[in-house]
Amino acid sequence: LDEAIAGVGHIPLPPYIASKRDDD
């Protein structure tokens, strides 16, 4: 499960950053 999450997930940036730009 850990490996699968690492493969498809994104870094969950805080809302005050995520609302202004996508993670990279």
PDBML (XML) file of the C-alpha atoms, coordinates in Angstrom:
<?xml version="1.0" encoding="UTF-8" ?>
<PDBx:datablock datablockName="MODEL"
   xmlns:PDBx="http://pdbml.pdb.org/schema/pdbx-v50.xsd"
   xmlns:xsi="http://www.w3.org/2001/XMLSchema-instance"
   xsi:schemaLocation="http://pdbml.pdb.org/schema/pdbx-v50.xsd pdbx-v50.xsd">
   <PDBx:atom_siteCategory>
      <PDBx:atom_site id="1">
         <PDBx:B_iso_or_equiv>0.00</PDBx:B_iso_or_equiv>
         <PDBx:Cartn_x>0.000</PDBx:Cartn_x>
         <PDBx:Cartn_y>0.000</PDBx:Cartn_y>
         <PDBx:Cartn_z>0.000</PDBx:Cartn_z>
         <PDBx:auth_asym_id>A</PDBx:auth_asym_id>
         <PDBx:auth_atom_id>CA</PDBx:auth_atom_id>
         <PDBx:auth_comp_id>LEU</PDBx:auth_comp_id>
         <PDBx:auth_seq_id>1</PDBx:auth_seq_id>
         <PDBx:group_PDB>ATOM</PDBx:group_PDB>
         <PDBx:label_alt_id xsi:nil="true" />
         <PDBx:label_asym_id>A</PDBx:label_asym_id>
         <PDBx:label_atom_id>CA</PDBx:label_atom_id>
         <PDBx:label_comp_id>LEU</PDBx:label_comp_id>
         <PDBx:label_entity_id>1</PDBx:label_entity_id>
         <PDBx:label_seq_id>1</PDBx:label_seq_id>
         <PDBx:occupancy>1.00</PDBx:occupancy>
         <PDBx:pdbx_PDB_model_num>1</PDBx:pdbx_PDB_model_num>
         <PDBx:type_symbol>C</PDBx:type_symbol>
      </PDBx:atom_site>
      <PDBx:atom_site id="2">
         <PDBx:B_iso_or_equiv>0.00</PDBx:B_iso_or_equiv>
         <PDBx:Cartn_x>2.827</PDBx:Cartn_x>
         <PDBx:Cartn_y>2.408</PDBx:Cartn_y>
         <PDBx:Cartn_z>0.850</PDBx:Cartn_z>
         <PDBx:auth_asym_id>A</PDBx:auth_asym_id>
         <PDBx:auth_atom_id>CA</PDBx:auth_atom_id>
         <PDBx:auth_comp_id>ASP</PDBx:auth_comp_id>
         <PDBx:auth_seq_id>2</PDBx:auth_seq_id>
         <PDBx:group_PDB>ATOM</PDBx:group_PDB>
         <PDBx:label_alt_id xsi:nil="true" />
         <PDBx:label_asym_id>A</PDBx:label_asym_id>
         <PDBx:label_atom_id>CA</PDBx:label_atom_id>
         <PDBx:label_comp_id>ASP</PDBx:label_comp_id>
         <PDBx:label_entity_id>1</PDBx:label_entity_id>
         <PDBx:label_seq_id>2</PDBx:label_seq_id>
         <PDBx:occupancy>1.00</PDBx:occupancy>
         <PDBx:pdbx_PDB_model_num>1</PDBx:pdbx_PDB_model_num>
         <PDBx:type_symbol>C</PDBx:type_symbol>
      </PDBx:atom_site>
      <PDBx:atom_site id="3">
         <PDBx:B_iso_or_equiv>0.00</PDBx:B_iso_or_equiv>
         <PDBx:Cartn_x>4.418</PDBx:Cartn_x>
         <PDBx:Cartn_y>1.813</PDBx:Cartn_y>
         <PDBx:Cartn_z>-2.539</PDBx:Cartn_z>
         <PDBx:auth_asym_id>A</PDBx:auth_asym_id>
         <PDBx:auth_atom_id>CA</PDBx:auth_atom_id>
         <PDBx:auth_comp_id>GLU</PDBx:auth_comp_id>
         <PDBx:auth_seq_id>3</PDBx:auth_seq_id>
         <PDBx:group_PDB>ATOM</PDBx:group_PDB>
         <PDBx:label_alt_id xsi:nil="true" />
         <PDBx:label_asym_id>A</PDBx:label_asym_id>
         <PDBx:label_atom_id>CA</PDBx:label_atom_id>
         <PDBx:label_comp_id>GLU</PDBx:label_comp_id>
         <PDBx:label_entity_id>1</PDBx:label_entity_id>
         <PDBx:label_seq_id>3</PDBx:label_seq_id>
         <PDBx:occupancy>1.00</PDBx:occupancy>
         <PDBx:pdbx_PDB_model_num>1</PDBx:pdbx_PDB_model_num>
         <PDBx:type_symbol>C</PDBx:type_symbol>
      </PDBx:atom_site>
      <PDBx:atom_site id="4">
         <PDBx:B_iso_or_equiv>0.00</PDBx:B_iso_or_equiv>
         <PDBx:Cartn_x>1.140</PDBx:Cartn_x>
         <PDBx:Cartn_y>2.364</PDBx:Cartn_y>
         <PDBx:Cartn_z>-4.367</PDBx:Cartn_z>
         <PDBx:auth_asym_id>A</PDBx:auth_asym_id>
         <PDBx:auth_atom_id>CA</PDBx:auth_atom_id>
         <PDBx:auth_comp_id>ALA</PDBx:auth_comp_id>
         <PDBx:auth_seq_id>4</PDBx:auth_seq_id>
         <PDBx:group_PDB>ATOM</PDBx:group_PDB>
         <PDBx:label_alt_id xsi:nil="true" />
         <PDBx:label_asym_id>A</PDBx:label_asym_id>
         <PDBx:label_atom_id>CA</PDBx:label_atom_id>
         <PDBx:label_comp_id>ALA</PDBx:label_comp_id>
         <PDBx:label_entity_id>1</PDBx:label_entity_id>
         <PDBx:label_seq_id>4</PDBx:label_seq_id>
         <PDBx:occupancy>1.00</PDBx:occupancy>
         <PDBx:pdbx_PDB_model_num>1</PDBx:pdbx_PDB_model_num>
         <PDBx:type_symbol>C</PDBx:type_symbol>
      </PDBx:atom_site>
      <PDBx:atom_site id="5">
         <PDBx:B_iso_or_equiv>0.00</PDBx:B_iso_or_equiv>
         <PDBx:Cartn_x>0.436</PDBx:Cartn_x>
         <PDBx:Cartn_y>5.613</PDBx:Cartn_y>
         <PDBx:Cartn_z>-2.500</PDBx:Cartn_z>
         <PDBx:auth_asym_id>A</PDBx:auth_asym_id>
         <PDBx:auth_atom_id>CA</PDBx:auth_atom_id>
         <PDBx:auth_comp_id>ILE</PDBx:auth_comp_id>
         <PDBx:auth_seq_id>5</PDBx:auth_seq_id>
         <PDBx:group_PDB>ATOM</PDBx:group_PDB>
         <PDBx:label_alt_id xsi:nil="true" />
         <PDBx:label_asym_id>A</PDBx:label_asym_id>
         <PDBx:label_atom_id>CA</PDBx:label_atom_id>
         <PDBx:label_comp_id>ILE</PDBx:label_comp_id>
         <PDBx:label_entity_id>1</PDBx:label_entity_id>
         <PDBx:label_seq_id>5</PDBx:label_seq_id>
         <PDBx:occupancy>1.00</PDBx:occupancy>
         <PDBx:pdbx_PDB_model_num>1</PDBx:pdbx_PDB_model_num>
         <PDBx:type_symbol>C</PDBx:type_symbol>
      </PDBx:atom_site>
      <PDBx:atom_site id="6">
         <PDBx:B_iso_or_equiv>0.00</PDBx:B_iso_or_equiv>
         <PDBx:Cartn_x>3.939</PDBx:Cartn_x>
         <PDBx:Cartn_y>6.846</PDBx:Cartn_y>
         <PDBx:Cartn_z>-3.328</PDBx:Cartn_z>
         <PDBx:auth_asym_id>A</PDBx:auth_asym_id>
         <PDBx:auth_atom_id>CA</PDBx:auth_atom_id>
         <PDBx:auth_comp_id>ALA</PDBx:auth_comp_id>
         <PDBx:auth_seq_id>6</PDBx:auth_seq_id>
         <PDBx:group_PDB>ATOM</PDBx:group_PDB>
         <PDBx:label_alt_id xsi:nil="true" />
         <PDBx:label_asym_id>A</PDBx:label_asym_id>
         <PDBx:label_atom_id>CA</PDBx:label_atom_id>
         <PDBx:label_comp_id>ALA</PDBx:label_comp_id>
         <PDBx:label_entity_id>1</PDBx:label_entity_id>
         <PDBx:label_seq_id>6</PDBx:label_seq_id>
         <PDBx:occupancy>1.00</PDBx:occupancy>
         <PDBx:pdbx_PDB_model_num>1</PDBx:pdbx_PDB_model_num>
         <PDBx:type_symbol>C</PDBx:type_symbol>
      </PDBx:atom_site>
      <PDBx:atom_site id="7">
         <PDBx:B_iso_or_equiv>0.00</PDBx:B_iso_or_equiv>
         <PDBx:Cartn_x>3.288</PDBx:Cartn_x>
         <PDBx:Cartn_y>6.045</PDBx:Cartn_y>
         <PDBx:Cartn_z>-6.983</PDBx:Cartn_z>
         <PDBx:auth_asym_id>A</PDBx:auth_asym_id>
         <PDBx:auth_atom_id>CA</PDBx:auth_atom_id>
         <PDBx:auth_comp_id>GLY</PDBx:auth_comp_id>
         <PDBx:auth_seq_id>7</PDBx:auth_seq_id>
         <PDBx:group_PDB>ATOM</PDBx:group_PDB>
         <PDBx:label_alt_id xsi:nil="true" />
         <PDBx:label_asym_id>A</PDBx:label_asym_id>
         <PDBx:label_atom_id>CA</PDBx:label_atom_id>
         <PDBx:label_comp_id>GLY</PDBx:label_comp_id>
         <PDBx:label_entity_id>1</PDBx:label_entity_id>
         <PDBx:label_seq_id>7</PDBx:label_seq_id>
         <PDBx:occupancy>1.00</PDBx:occupancy>
         <PDBx:pdbx_PDB_model_num>1</PDBx:pdbx_PDB_model_num>
         <PDBx:type_symbol>C</PDBx:type_symbol>
      </PDBx:atom_site>
      <PDBx:atom_site id="8">
         <PDBx:B_iso_or_equiv>0.00</PDBx:B_iso_or_equiv>
         <PDBx:Cartn_x>-0.019</PDBx:Cartn_x>
         <PDBx:Cartn_y>7.855</PDBx:Cartn_y>
         <PDBx:Cartn_z>-7.453</PDBx:Cartn_z>
         <PDBx:auth_asym_id>A</PDBx:auth_asym_id>
         <PDBx:auth_atom_id>CA</PDBx:auth_atom_id>
         <PDBx:auth_comp_id>VAL</PDBx:auth_comp_id>
         <PDBx:auth_seq_id>8</PDBx:auth_seq_id>
         <PDBx:group_PDB>ATOM</PDBx:group_PDB>
         <PDBx:label_alt_id xsi:nil="true" />
         <PDBx:label_asym_id>A</PDBx:label_asym_id>
         <PDBx:label_atom_id>CA</PDBx:label_atom_id>
         <PDBx:label_comp_id>VAL</PDBx:label_comp_id>
         <PDBx:label_entity_id>1</PDBx:label_entity_id>
         <PDBx:label_seq_id>8</PDBx:label_seq_id>
         <PDBx:occupancy>1.00</PDBx:occupancy>
         <PDBx:pdbx_PDB_model_num>1</PDBx:pdbx_PDB_model_num>
         <PDBx:type_symbol>C</PDBx:type_symbol>
      </PDBx:atom_site>
      <PDBx:atom_site id="9">
         <PDBx:B_iso_or_equiv>0.00</PDBx:B_iso_or_equiv>
         <PDBx:Cartn_x>-0.114</PDBx:Cartn_x>
         <PDBx:Cartn_y>10.461</PDBx:Cartn_y>
         <PDBx:Cartn_z>-4.689</PDBx:Cartn_z>
         <PDBx:auth_asym_id>A</PDBx:auth_asym_id>
         <PDBx:auth_atom_id>CA</PDBx:auth_atom_id>
         <PDBx:auth_comp_id>GLY</PDBx:auth_comp_id>
         <PDBx:auth_seq_id>9</PDBx:auth_seq_id>
         <PDBx:group_PDB>ATOM</PDBx:group_PDB>
         <PDBx:label_alt_id xsi:nil="true" />
         <PDBx:label_asym_id>A</PDBx:label_asym_id>
         <PDBx:label_atom_id>CA</PDBx:label_atom_id>
         <PDBx:label_comp_id>GLY</PDBx:label_comp_id>
         <PDBx:label_entity_id>1</PDBx:label_entity_id>
         <PDBx:label_seq_id>9</PDBx:label_seq_id>
         <PDBx:occupancy>1.00</PDBx:occupancy>
         <PDBx:pdbx_PDB_model_num>1</PDBx:pdbx_PDB_model_num>
         <PDBx:type_symbol>C</PDBx:type_symbol>
      </PDBx:atom_site>
      <PDBx:atom_site id="10">
         <PDBx:B_iso_or_equiv>0.00</PDBx:B_iso_or_equiv>
         <PDBx:Cartn_x>0.806</PDBx:Cartn_x>
         <PDBx:Cartn_y>14.136</PDBx:Cartn_y>
         <PDBx:Cartn_z>-4.589</PDBx:Cartn_z>
         <PDBx:auth_asym_id>A</PDBx:auth_asym_id>
         <PDBx:auth_atom_id>CA</PDBx:auth_atom_id>
         <PDBx:auth_comp_id>HIS</PDBx:auth_comp_id>
         <PDBx:auth_seq_id>10</PDBx:auth_seq_id>
         <PDBx:group_PDB>ATOM</PDBx:group_PDB>
         <PDBx:label_alt_id xsi:nil="true" />
         <PDBx:label_asym_id>A</PDBx:label_asym_id>
         <PDBx:label_atom_id>CA</PDBx:label_atom_id>
         <PDBx:label_comp_id>HIS</PDBx:label_comp_id>
         <PDBx:label_entity_id>1</PDBx:label_entity_id>
         <PDBx:label_seq_id>10</PDBx:label_seq_id>
         <PDBx:occupancy>1.00</PDBx:occupancy>
         <PDBx:pdbx_PDB_model_num>1</PDBx:pdbx_PDB_model_num>
         <PDBx:type_symbol>C</PDBx:type_symbol>
      </PDBx:atom_site>
      <PDBx:atom_site id="11">
         <PDBx:B_iso_or_equiv>0.00</PDBx:B_iso_or_equiv>
         <PDBx:Cartn_x>2.516</PDBx:Cartn_x>
         <PDBx:Cartn_y>16.082</PDBx:Cartn_y>
         <PDBx:Cartn_z>-1.811</PDBx:Cartn_z>
         <PDBx:auth_asym_id>A</PDBx:auth_asym_id>
         <PDBx:auth_atom_id>CA</PDBx:auth_atom_id>
         <PDBx:auth_comp_id>ILE</PDBx:auth_comp_id>
         <PDBx:auth_seq_id>11</PDBx:auth_seq_id>
         <PDBx:group_PDB>ATOM</PDBx:group_PDB>
         <PDBx:label_alt_id xsi:nil="true" />
         <PDBx:label_asym_id>A</PDBx:label_asym_id>
         <PDBx:label_atom_id>CA</PDBx:label_atom_id>
         <PDBx:label_comp_id>ILE</PDBx:label_comp_id>
         <PDBx:label_entity_id>1</PDBx:label_entity_id>
         <PDBx:label_seq_id>11</PDBx:label_seq_id>
         <PDBx:occupancy>1.00</PDBx:occupancy>
         <PDBx:pdbx_PDB_model_num>1</PDBx:pdbx_PDB_model_num>
         <PDBx:type_symbol>C</PDBx:type_symbol>
      </PDBx:atom_site>
      <PDBx:atom_site id="12">
         <PDBx:B_iso_or_equiv>0.00</PDBx:B_iso_or_equiv>
         <PDBx:Cartn_x>-0.434</PDBx:Cartn_x>
         <PDBx:Cartn_y>17.614</PDBx:Cartn_y>
         <PDBx:Cartn_z>0.101</PDBx:Cartn_z>
         <PDBx:auth_asym_id>A</PDBx:auth_asym_id>
         <PDBx:auth_atom_id>CA</PDBx:auth_atom_id>
         <PDBx:auth_comp_id>PRO</PDBx:auth_comp_id>
         <PDBx:auth_seq_id>12</PDBx:auth_seq_id>
         <PDBx:group_PDB>ATOM</PDBx:group_PDB>
         <PDBx:label_alt_id xsi:nil="true" />
         <PDBx:label_asym_id>A</PDBx:label_asym_id>
         <PDBx:label_atom_id>CA</PDBx:label_atom_id>
         <PDBx:label_comp_id>PRO</PDBx:label_comp_id>
         <PDBx:label_entity_id>1</PDBx:label_entity_id>
         <PDBx:label_seq_id>12</PDBx:label_seq_id>
         <PDBx:occupancy>1.00</PDBx:occupancy>
         <PDBx:pdbx_PDB_model_num>1</PDBx:pdbx_PDB_model_num>
         <PDBx:type_symbol>C</PDBx:type_symbol>
      </PDBx:atom_site>
      <PDBx:atom_site id="13">
         <PDBx:B_iso_or_equiv>0.00</PDBx:B_iso_or_equiv>
         <PDBx:Cartn_x>0.570</PDBx:Cartn_x>
         <PDBx:Cartn_y>21.253</PDBx:Cartn_y>
         <PDBx:Cartn_z>0.114</PDBx:Cartn_z>
         <PDBx:auth_asym_id>A</PDBx:auth_asym_id>
         <PDBx:auth_atom_id>CA</PDBx:auth_atom_id>
         <PDBx:auth_comp_id>LEU</PDBx:auth_comp_id>
         <PDBx:auth_seq_id>13</PDBx:auth_seq_id>
         <PDBx:group_PDB>ATOM</PDBx:group_PDB>
         <PDBx:label_alt_id xsi:nil="true" />
         <PDBx:label_asym_id>A</PDBx:label_asym_id>
         <PDBx:label_atom_id>CA</PDBx:label_atom_id>
         <PDBx:label_comp_id>LEU</PDBx:label_comp_id>
         <PDBx:label_entity_id>1</PDBx:label_entity_id>
         <PDBx:label_seq_id>13</PDBx:label_seq_id>
         <PDBx:occupancy>1.00</PDBx:occupancy>
         <PDBx:pdbx_PDB_model_num>1</PDBx:pdbx_PDB_model_num>
         <PDBx:type_symbol>C</PDBx:type_symbol>
      </PDBx:atom_site>
      <PDBx:atom_site id="14">
         <PDBx:B_iso_or_equiv>0.00</PDBx:B_iso_or_equiv>
         <PDBx:Cartn_x>-1.189</PDBx:Cartn_x>
         <PDBx:Cartn_y>23.433</PDBx:Cartn_y>
         <PDBx:Cartn_z>2.697</PDBx:Cartn_z>
         <PDBx:auth_asym_id>A</PDBx:auth_asym_id>
         <PDBx:auth_atom_id>CA</PDBx:auth_atom_id>
         <PDBx:auth_comp_id>PRO</PDBx:auth_comp_id>
         <PDBx:auth_seq_id>14</PDBx:auth_seq_id>
         <PDBx:group_PDB>ATOM</PDBx:group_PDB>
         <PDBx:label_alt_id xsi:nil="true" />
         <PDBx:label_asym_id>A</PDBx:label_asym_id>
         <PDBx:label_atom_id>CA</PDBx:label_atom_id>
         <PDBx:label_comp_id>PRO</PDBx:label_comp_id>
         <PDBx:label_entity_id>1</PDBx:label_entity_id>
         <PDBx:label_seq_id>14</PDBx:label_seq_id>
         <PDBx:occupancy>1.00</PDBx:occupancy>
         <PDBx:pdbx_PDB_model_num>1</PDBx:pdbx_PDB_model_num>
         <PDBx:type_symbol>C</PDBx:type_symbol>
      </PDBx:atom_site>
      <PDBx:atom_site id="15">
         <PDBx:B_iso_or_equiv>0.00</PDBx:B_iso_or_equiv>
         <PDBx:Cartn_x>-4.414</PDBx:Cartn_x>
         <PDBx:Cartn_y>25.005</PDBx:Cartn_y>
         <PDBx:Cartn_z>1.385</PDBx:Cartn_z>
         <PDBx:auth_asym_id>A</PDBx:auth_asym_id>
         <PDBx:auth_atom_id>CA</PDBx:auth_atom_id>
         <PDBx:auth_comp_id>PRO</PDBx:auth_comp_id>
         <PDBx:auth_seq_id>15</PDBx:auth_seq_id>
         <PDBx:group_PDB>ATOM</PDBx:group_PDB>
         <PDBx:label_alt_id xsi:nil="true" />
         <PDBx:label_asym_id>A</PDBx:label_asym_id>
         <PDBx:label_atom_id>CA</PDBx:label_atom_id>
         <PDBx:label_comp_id>PRO</PDBx:label_comp_id>
         <PDBx:label_entity_id>1</PDBx:label_entity_id>
         <PDBx:label_seq_id>15</PDBx:label_seq_id>
         <PDBx:occupancy>1.00</PDBx:occupancy>
         <PDBx:pdbx_PDB_model_num>1</PDBx:pdbx_PDB_model_num>
         <PDBx:type_symbol>C</PDBx:type_symbol>
      </PDBx:atom_site>
      <PDBx:atom_site id="16">
         <PDBx:B_iso_or_equiv>0.00</PDBx:B_iso_or_equiv>
         <PDBx:Cartn_x>-2.965</PDBx:Cartn_x>
         <PDBx:Cartn_y>28.518</PDBx:Cartn_y>
         <PDBx:Cartn_z>1.402</PDBx:Cartn_z>
         <PDBx:auth_asym_id>A</PDBx:auth_asym_id>
         <PDBx:auth_atom_id>CA</PDBx:auth_atom_id>
         <PDBx:auth_comp_id>TYR</PDBx:auth_comp_id>
         <PDBx:auth_seq_id>16</PDBx:auth_seq_id>
         <PDBx:group_PDB>ATOM</PDBx:group_PDB>
         <PDBx:label_alt_id xsi:nil="true" />
         <PDBx:label_asym_id>A</PDBx:label_asym_id>
         <PDBx:label_atom_id>CA</PDBx:label_atom_id>
         <PDBx:label_comp_id>TYR</PDBx:label_comp_id>
         <PDBx:label_entity_id>1</PDBx:label_entity_id>
         <PDBx:label_seq_id>16</PDBx:label_seq_id>
         <PDBx:occupancy>1.00</PDBx:occupancy>
         <PDBx:pdbx_PDB_model_num>1</PDBx:pdbx_PDB_model_num>
         <PDBx:type_symbol>C</PDBx:type_symbol>
      </PDBx:atom_site>
      <PDBx:atom_site id="17">
         <PDBx:B_iso_or_equiv>0.00</PDBx:B_iso_or_equiv>
         <PDBx:Cartn_x>-0.273</PDBx:Cartn_x>
         <PDBx:Cartn_y>27.361</PDBx:Cartn_y>
         <PDBx:Cartn_z>-1.058</PDBx:Cartn_z>
         <PDBx:auth_asym_id>A</PDBx:auth_asym_id>
         <PDBx:auth_atom_id>CA</PDBx:auth_atom_id>
         <PDBx:auth_comp_id>ILE</PDBx:auth_comp_id>
         <PDBx:auth_seq_id>17</PDBx:auth_seq_id>
         <PDBx:group_PDB>ATOM</PDBx:group_PDB>
         <PDBx:label_alt_id xsi:nil="true" />
         <PDBx:label_asym_id>A</PDBx:label_asym_id>
         <PDBx:label_atom_id>CA</PDBx:label_atom_id>
         <PDBx:label_comp_id>ILE</PDBx:label_comp_id>
         <PDBx:label_entity_id>1</PDBx:label_entity_id>
         <PDBx:label_seq_id>17</PDBx:label_seq_id>
         <PDBx:occupancy>1.00</PDBx:occupancy>
         <PDBx:pdbx_PDB_model_num>1</PDBx:pdbx_PDB_model_num>
         <PDBx:type_symbol>C</PDBx:type_symbol>
      </PDBx:atom_site>
      <PDBx:atom_site id="18">
         <PDBx:B_iso_or_equiv>0.00</PDBx:B_iso_or_equiv>
         <PDBx:Cartn_x>-2.315</PDBx:Cartn_x>
         <PDBx:Cartn_y>24.825</PDBx:Cartn_y>
         <PDBx:Cartn_z>-3.032</PDBx:Cartn_z>
         <PDBx:auth_asym_id>A</PDBx:auth_asym_id>
         <PDBx:auth_atom_id>CA</PDBx:auth_atom_id>
         <PDBx:auth_comp_id>ALA</PDBx:auth_comp_id>
         <PDBx:auth_seq_id>18</PDBx:auth_seq_id>
         <PDBx:group_PDB>ATOM</PDBx:group_PDB>
         <PDBx:label_alt_id xsi:nil="true" />
         <PDBx:label_asym_id>A</PDBx:label_asym_id>
         <PDBx:label_atom_id>CA</PDBx:label_atom_id>
         <PDBx:label_comp_id>ALA</PDBx:label_comp_id>
         <PDBx:label_entity_id>1</PDBx:label_entity_id>
         <PDBx:label_seq_id>18</PDBx:label_seq_id>
         <PDBx:occupancy>1.00</PDBx:occupancy>
         <PDBx:pdbx_PDB_model_num>1</PDBx:pdbx_PDB_model_num>
         <PDBx:type_symbol>C</PDBx:type_symbol>
      </PDBx:atom_site>
      <PDBx:atom_site id="19">
         <PDBx:B_iso_or_equiv>0.00</PDBx:B_iso_or_equiv>
         <PDBx:Cartn_x>-4.939</PDBx:Cartn_x>
         <PDBx:Cartn_y>27.491</PDBx:Cartn_y>
         <PDBx:Cartn_z>-3.789</PDBx:Cartn_z>
         <PDBx:auth_asym_id>A</PDBx:auth_asym_id>
         <PDBx:auth_atom_id>CA</PDBx:auth_atom_id>
         <PDBx:auth_comp_id>SER</PDBx:auth_comp_id>
         <PDBx:auth_seq_id>19</PDBx:auth_seq_id>
         <PDBx:group_PDB>ATOM</PDBx:group_PDB>
         <PDBx:label_alt_id xsi:nil="true" />
         <PDBx:label_asym_id>A</PDBx:label_asym_id>
         <PDBx:label_atom_id>CA</PDBx:label_atom_id>
         <PDBx:label_comp_id>SER</PDBx:label_comp_id>
         <PDBx:label_entity_id>1</PDBx:label_entity_id>
         <PDBx:label_seq_id>19</PDBx:label_seq_id>
         <PDBx:occupancy>1.00</PDBx:occupancy>
         <PDBx:pdbx_PDB_model_num>1</PDBx:pdbx_PDB_model_num>
         <PDBx:type_symbol>C</PDBx:type_symbol>
      </PDBx:atom_site>
      <PDBx:atom_site id="20">
         <PDBx:B_iso_or_equiv>0.00</PDBx:B_iso_or_equiv>
         <PDBx:Cartn_x>-2.280</PDBx:Cartn_x>
         <PDBx:Cartn_y>29.575</PDBx:Cartn_y>
         <PDBx:Cartn_z>-5.535</PDBx:Cartn_z>
         <PDBx:auth_asym_id>A</PDBx:auth_asym_id>
         <PDBx:auth_atom_id>CA</PDBx:auth_atom_id>
         <PDBx:auth_comp_id>LYS</PDBx:auth_comp_id>
         <PDBx:auth_seq_id>20</PDBx:auth_seq_id>
         <PDBx:group_PDB>ATOM</PDBx:group_PDB>
         <PDBx:label_alt_id xsi:nil="true" />
         <PDBx:label_asym_id>A</PDBx:label_asym_id>
         <PDBx:label_atom_id>CA</PDBx:label_atom_id>
         <PDBx:label_comp_id>LYS</PDBx:label_comp_id>
         <PDBx:label_entity_id>1</PDBx:label_entity_id>
         <PDBx:label_seq_id>20</PDBx:label_seq_id>
         <PDBx:occupancy>1.00</PDBx:occupancy>
         <PDBx:pdbx_PDB_model_num>1</PDBx:pdbx_PDB_model_num>
         <PDBx:type_symbol>C</PDBx:type_symbol>
      </PDBx:atom_site>
      <PDBx:atom_site id="21">
         <PDBx:B_iso_or_equiv>0.00</PDBx:B_iso_or_equiv>
         <PDBx:Cartn_x>-0.213</PDBx:Cartn_x>
         <PDBx:Cartn_y>26.981</PDBx:Cartn_y>
         <PDBx:Cartn_z>-7.410</PDBx:Cartn_z>
         <PDBx:auth_asym_id>A</PDBx:auth_asym_id>
         <PDBx:auth_atom_id>CA</PDBx:auth_atom_id>
         <PDBx:auth_comp_id>ARG</PDBx:auth_comp_id>
         <PDBx:auth_seq_id>21</PDBx:auth_seq_id>
         <PDBx:group_PDB>ATOM</PDBx:group_PDB>
         <PDBx:label_alt_id xsi:nil="true" />
         <PDBx:label_asym_id>A</PDBx:label_asym_id>
         <PDBx:label_atom_id>CA</PDBx:label_atom_id>
         <PDBx:label_comp_id>ARG</PDBx:label_comp_id>
         <PDBx:label_entity_id>1</PDBx:label_entity_id>
         <PDBx:label_seq_id>21</PDBx:label_seq_id>
         <PDBx:occupancy>1.00</PDBx:occupancy>
         <PDBx:pdbx_PDB_model_num>1</PDBx:pdbx_PDB_model_num>
         <PDBx:type_symbol>C</PDBx:type_symbol>
      </PDBx:atom_site>
      <PDBx:atom_site id="22">
         <PDBx:B_iso_or_equiv>0.00</PDBx:B_iso_or_equiv>
         <PDBx:Cartn_x>0.055</PDBx:Cartn_x>
         <PDBx:Cartn_y>23.248</PDBx:Cartn_y>
         <PDBx:Cartn_z>-8.129</PDBx:Cartn_z>
         <PDBx:auth_asym_id>A</PDBx:auth_asym_id>
         <PDBx:auth_atom_id>CA</PDBx:auth_atom_id>
         <PDBx:auth_comp_id>ASP</PDBx:auth_comp_id>
         <PDBx:auth_seq_id>22</PDBx:auth_seq_id>
         <PDBx:group_PDB>ATOM</PDBx:group_PDB>
         <PDBx:label_alt_id xsi:nil="true" />
         <PDBx:label_asym_id>A</PDBx:label_asym_id>
         <PDBx:label_atom_id>CA</PDBx:label_atom_id>
         <PDBx:label_comp_id>ASP</PDBx:label_comp_id>
         <PDBx:label_entity_id>1</PDBx:label_entity_id>
         <PDBx:label_seq_id>22</PDBx:label_seq_id>
         <PDBx:occupancy>1.00</PDBx:occupancy>
         <PDBx:pdbx_PDB_model_num>1</PDBx:pdbx_PDB_model_num>
         <PDBx:type_symbol>C</PDBx:type_symbol>
      </PDBx:atom_site>
      <PDBx:atom_site id="23">
         <PDBx:B_iso_or_equiv>0.00</PDBx:B_iso_or_equiv>
         <PDBx:Cartn_x>2.594</PDBx:Cartn_x>
         <PDBx:Cartn_y>21.066</PDBx:Cartn_y>
         <PDBx:Cartn_z>-6.375</PDBx:Cartn_z>
         <PDBx:auth_asym_id>A</PDBx:auth_asym_id>
         <PDBx:auth_atom_id>CA</PDBx:auth_atom_id>
         <PDBx:auth_comp_id>ASP</PDBx:auth_comp_id>
         <PDBx:auth_seq_id>23</PDBx:auth_seq_id>
         <PDBx:group_PDB>ATOM</PDBx:group_PDB>
         <PDBx:label_alt_id xsi:nil="true" />
         <PDBx:label_asym_id>A</PDBx:label_asym_id>
         <PDBx:label_atom_id>CA</PDBx:label_atom_id>
         <PDBx:label_comp_id>ASP</PDBx:label_comp_id>
         <PDBx:label_entity_id>1</PDBx:label_entity_id>
         <PDBx:label_seq_id>23</PDBx:label_seq_id>
         <PDBx:occupancy>1.00</PDBx:occupancy>
         <PDBx:pdbx_PDB_model_num>1</PDBx:pdbx_PDB_model_num>
         <PDBx:type_symbol>C</PDBx:type_symbol>
      </PDBx:atom_site>
      <PDBx:atom_site id="24">
         <PDBx:B_iso_or_equiv>0.00</PDBx:B_iso_or_equiv>
         <PDBx:Cartn_x>5.689</PDBx:Cartn_x>
         <PDBx:Cartn_y>20.160</PDBx:Cartn_y>
         <PDBx:Cartn_z>-8.379</PDBx:Cartn_z>
         <PDBx:auth_asym_id>A</PDBx:auth_asym_id>
         <PDBx:auth_atom_id>CA</PDBx:auth_atom_id>
         <PDBx:auth_comp_id>ASP</PDBx:auth_comp_id>
         <PDBx:auth_seq_id>24</PDBx:auth_seq_id>
         <PDBx:group_PDB>ATOM</PDBx:group_PDB>
         <PDBx:label_alt_id xsi:nil="true" />
         <PDBx:label_asym_id>A</PDBx:label_asym_id>
         <PDBx:label_atom_id>CA</PDBx:label_atom_id>
         <PDBx:label_comp_id>ASP</PDBx:label_comp_id>
         <PDBx:label_entity_id>1</PDBx:label_entity_id>
         <PDBx:label_seq_id>24</PDBx:label_seq_id>
         <PDBx:occupancy>1.00</PDBx:occupancy>
         <PDBx:pdbx_PDB_model_num>1</PDBx:pdbx_PDB_model_num>
         <PDBx:type_symbol>C</PDBx:type_symbol>
      </PDBx:atom_site>
   </PDBx:atom_siteCategory>
</PDBx:datablock>
